[in-house]
Protein backbone atom coordinates (compact mmCIF):
# COMPACT_ATOMS: atom_id res chain seq x y z
CA UNK A 1 -17.77 18.34 26.24
CA UNK A 2 -16.04 14.88 26.35
CA UNK A 3 -17.53 12.21 24.27
CA UNK A 4 -16.89 8.57 23.34
CA UNK A 5 -17.04 7.72 19.69
CA UNK A 6 -19.40 4.89 18.76
CA UNK A 7 -18.39 4.92 15.16
CA UNK A 8 -15.28 6.01 13.22
CA UNK A 9 -15.34 9.60 12.21
CA UNK A 10 -13.03 11.09 9.67
CA UNK A 11 -12.02 14.27 11.70
CA UNK A 12 -12.55 13.14 15.33
CA UNK A 13 -11.00 9.64 15.54
CA UNK A 14 -11.83 5.92 15.72
CA UNK A 15 -14.34 4.00 17.62
CA UNK A 16 -13.85 3.97 21.44
CA UNK A 17 -11.76 7.06 21.50
CA UNK A 18 -12.50 9.80 23.99
CA UNK A 19 -12.37 13.28 22.51
CA UNK A 20 -13.37 16.81 23.35
CA UNK A 21 -15.83 18.65 21.14
CA UNK A 22 -18.05 21.67 21.29
CA UNK A 23 -21.30 21.15 23.25
CA UNK A 24 -23.55 22.07 20.30
CA UNK A 25 -21.81 19.77 17.88
CA UNK A 26 -22.05 16.88 20.39
CA UNK A 27 -25.67 17.52 21.40
CA UNK A 28 -27.02 18.58 17.90
CA UNK A 29 -25.24 16.16 15.75
CA UNK A 30 -23.05 13.46 17.18
CA UNK A 31 -25.17 12.02 19.96
CA UNK A 32 -28.59 12.23 18.09
CA UNK A 33 -27.07 10.53 14.98
CA UNK A 34 -25.46 7.61 17.00
CA UNK A 35 -21.86 8.66 16.32
CA UNK A 36 -21.10 9.41 19.93
CA UNK A 37 -22.21 9.17 23.63
CA UNK A 38 -21.45 11.27 26.66
CA UNK A 39 -18.24 10.34 28.52
CA UNK A 40 -19.88 9.85 31.88
CA UNK A 41 -18.36 7.50 34.43
CA UNK A 42 -20.73 4.72 33.73
CA UNK A 43 -20.22 4.94 29.98
CA UNK A 44 -16.39 4.97 30.53
CA UNK A 45 -16.79 1.69 32.59
CA UNK A 46 -18.90 0.12 29.87
CA UNK A 47 -16.24 1.24 27.31
CA UNK A 48 -13.45 -0.34 29.36
CA UNK A 49 -15.34 -3.64 29.60
CA UNK A 50 -16.05 -3.64 25.88
CA UNK A 51 -12.39 -3.09 25.10
CA UNK A 52 -11.45 -5.98 27.42
CA UNK A 53 -13.91 -8.32 25.62
CA UNK A 54 -12.64 -7.25 22.28
CA UNK A 55 -9.04 -7.92 23.29
CA UNK A 56 -10.05 -11.37 24.64
CA UNK A 57 -11.89 -12.21 21.38
CA UNK A 58 -8.82 -10.99 19.33
CA UNK A 59 -6.40 -13.16 21.39
CA UNK A 60 -8.73 -16.25 20.82
CA UNK A 61 -8.93 -15.61 17.13
CA UNK A 62 -5.17 -15.30 16.85
CA UNK A 63 -4.74 -18.49 18.78
CA UNK A 64 -7.04 -20.39 16.49
CA UNK A 65 -5.46 -18.92 13.45
CA UNK A 66 -1.94 -20.07 14.62
CA UNK A 67 -3.34 -23.50 15.17
CA UNK A 68 -4.93 -23.49 11.68
CA UNK A 69 -1.72 -22.21 10.14
CA UNK A 70 0.19 -25.12 11.81
CA UNK A 71 -2.39 -27.58 10.43
CA UNK A 72 -2.18 -26.04 6.88
CA UNK A 73 1.53 -26.17 6.70
CA UNK A 74 1.47 -29.90 6.15
CA UNK A 75 -1.22 -29.78 3.56
CA UNK A 76 -0.20 -30.85 -0.10
CA UNK A 77 -2.88 -29.81 -2.65
CA UNK A 78 -2.94 -31.62 -6.02
CA UNK A 79 -5.03 -29.86 -8.60
CA UNK A 80 -5.76 -31.49 -11.93
CA UNK A 81 -6.21 -29.17 -14.85
CA UNK A 82 -6.35 -29.58 -18.60
CA UNK A 83 -3.16 -28.62 -20.28
CA UNK A 84 -2.26 -27.90 -23.93
CA UNK A 85 1.19 -29.41 -23.59
CA UNK A 86 3.48 -30.24 -20.79
CA UNK A 87 3.45 -26.65 -19.52
CA UNK A 88 0.60 -24.37 -20.36
CA UNK A 89 -2.95 -24.72 -18.98
CA UNK A 90 -6.04 -24.28 -21.14
CA UNK A 91 -7.58 -22.29 -18.33
CA UNK A 92 -6.08 -21.21 -15.02
CA UNK A 93 -6.00 -22.06 -11.37
CA UNK A 94 -7.50 -19.35 -9.32
CA UNK A 95 -7.79 -18.67 -5.53
CA UNK A 96 -11.36 -20.08 -5.80
CA UNK A 97 -10.07 -23.31 -7.18
CA UNK A 98 -7.58 -23.57 -4.41
CA UNK A 99 -10.38 -22.76 -1.82
CA UNK A 100 -12.45 -25.54 -3.29
CA UNK A 101 -9.42 -27.99 -3.04
CA UNK A 102 -8.94 -26.91 0.61
CA UNK A 103 -12.66 -27.60 1.50
CA UNK A 104 -12.22 -31.08 0.08
CA UNK A 105 -9.23 -31.50 2.63
CA UNK A 106 -11.40 -30.26 5.43
CA UNK A 107 -10.40 -26.58 5.66
CA UNK A 108 -12.81 -23.77 5.06
CA UNK A 109 -10.75 -20.83 3.83
CA UNK A 110 -12.38 -17.81 1.98
CA UNK A 111 -10.88 -17.44 -1.54
CA UNK A 112 -10.27 -13.69 -0.70
CA UNK A 113 -7.67 -14.74 1.92
CA UNK A 114 -5.81 -16.86 -0.54
CA UNK A 115 -2.99 -14.49 -1.84
CA UNK A 116 -2.18 -15.09 -5.46
CA UNK A 117 -0.70 -12.29 -7.41
CA UNK A 118 -2.20 -13.68 -10.55
CA UNK A 119 -3.93 -17.03 -11.53
CA UNK A 120 -1.70 -20.02 -12.06
CA UNK A 121 -1.41 -20.77 -15.71
CA UNK A 122 1.28 -23.35 -15.76
CA UNK A 123 1.75 -26.94 -14.51
CA UNK A 124 4.23 -27.37 -11.57
CA UNK A 125 4.48 -26.85 -7.90
CA UNK A 126 4.46 -23.61 -5.98
CA UNK A 127 3.84 -22.40 -2.41
CA UNK A 128 0.81 -20.28 -1.90
CA UNK A 129 0.20 -17.97 1.09
CA UNK A 130 -3.01 -17.75 2.96
CA UNK A 131 -3.85 -14.78 5.25
CA UNK A 132 -5.56 -15.85 8.48
CA UNK A 133 -6.68 -13.59 11.39
CA UNK A 134 -4.52 -10.70 12.36
CA UNK A 135 -1.08 -11.00 10.88
CA UNK A 136 -1.04 -14.78 10.90
CA UNK A 137 0.07 -16.24 7.45
CA UNK A 138 -0.08 -19.83 6.45
CA UNK A 139 1.60 -21.46 3.49
CA UNK A 140 0.16 -24.42 1.40
CA UNK A 141 2.10 -26.45 -1.37
CA UNK A 142 -0.01 -26.60 -4.55
CA UNK A 143 0.84 -28.89 -7.31
CA UNK A 144 -0.89 -28.36 -10.62
CA UNK A 145 -0.80 -31.64 -12.70
CA UNK A 146 -2.05 -32.43 -16.20
CA UNK A 147 -5.49 -34.03 -16.18
CA UNK A 148 -5.22 -37.09 -18.41
CA UNK A 149 -9.05 -37.66 -18.61
């Protein structure tokens, strides 16, 4: 029996794939548990329409991400932190700190998308990469300066 997978399945495949399985497995397990549906002509048309909509949505997300990457490329962040001397910080600057600084500049970026190998523990300037939708990456210049207050 041909079925369309509604959910990812370890042994059968990914969502949206059409696979052949034994009738009993499809009727007694996959279809009742919502993992799959029969591959009828009408279900295939619905699947094609869903795939088209997902492709359009993905293209729109990529276009927005590329625009955002262009906007972020000109951003210069200055983060003030307390330092013991002219190099070492008392604490560290994390992706959360950078995310908050971006919010003050008008950009809402999730801290999990800011790619820091390890927290910044020294004064100075560096370039930080931000992962946006798909494979779109942006770079932001971050300057950590000594807080004199």
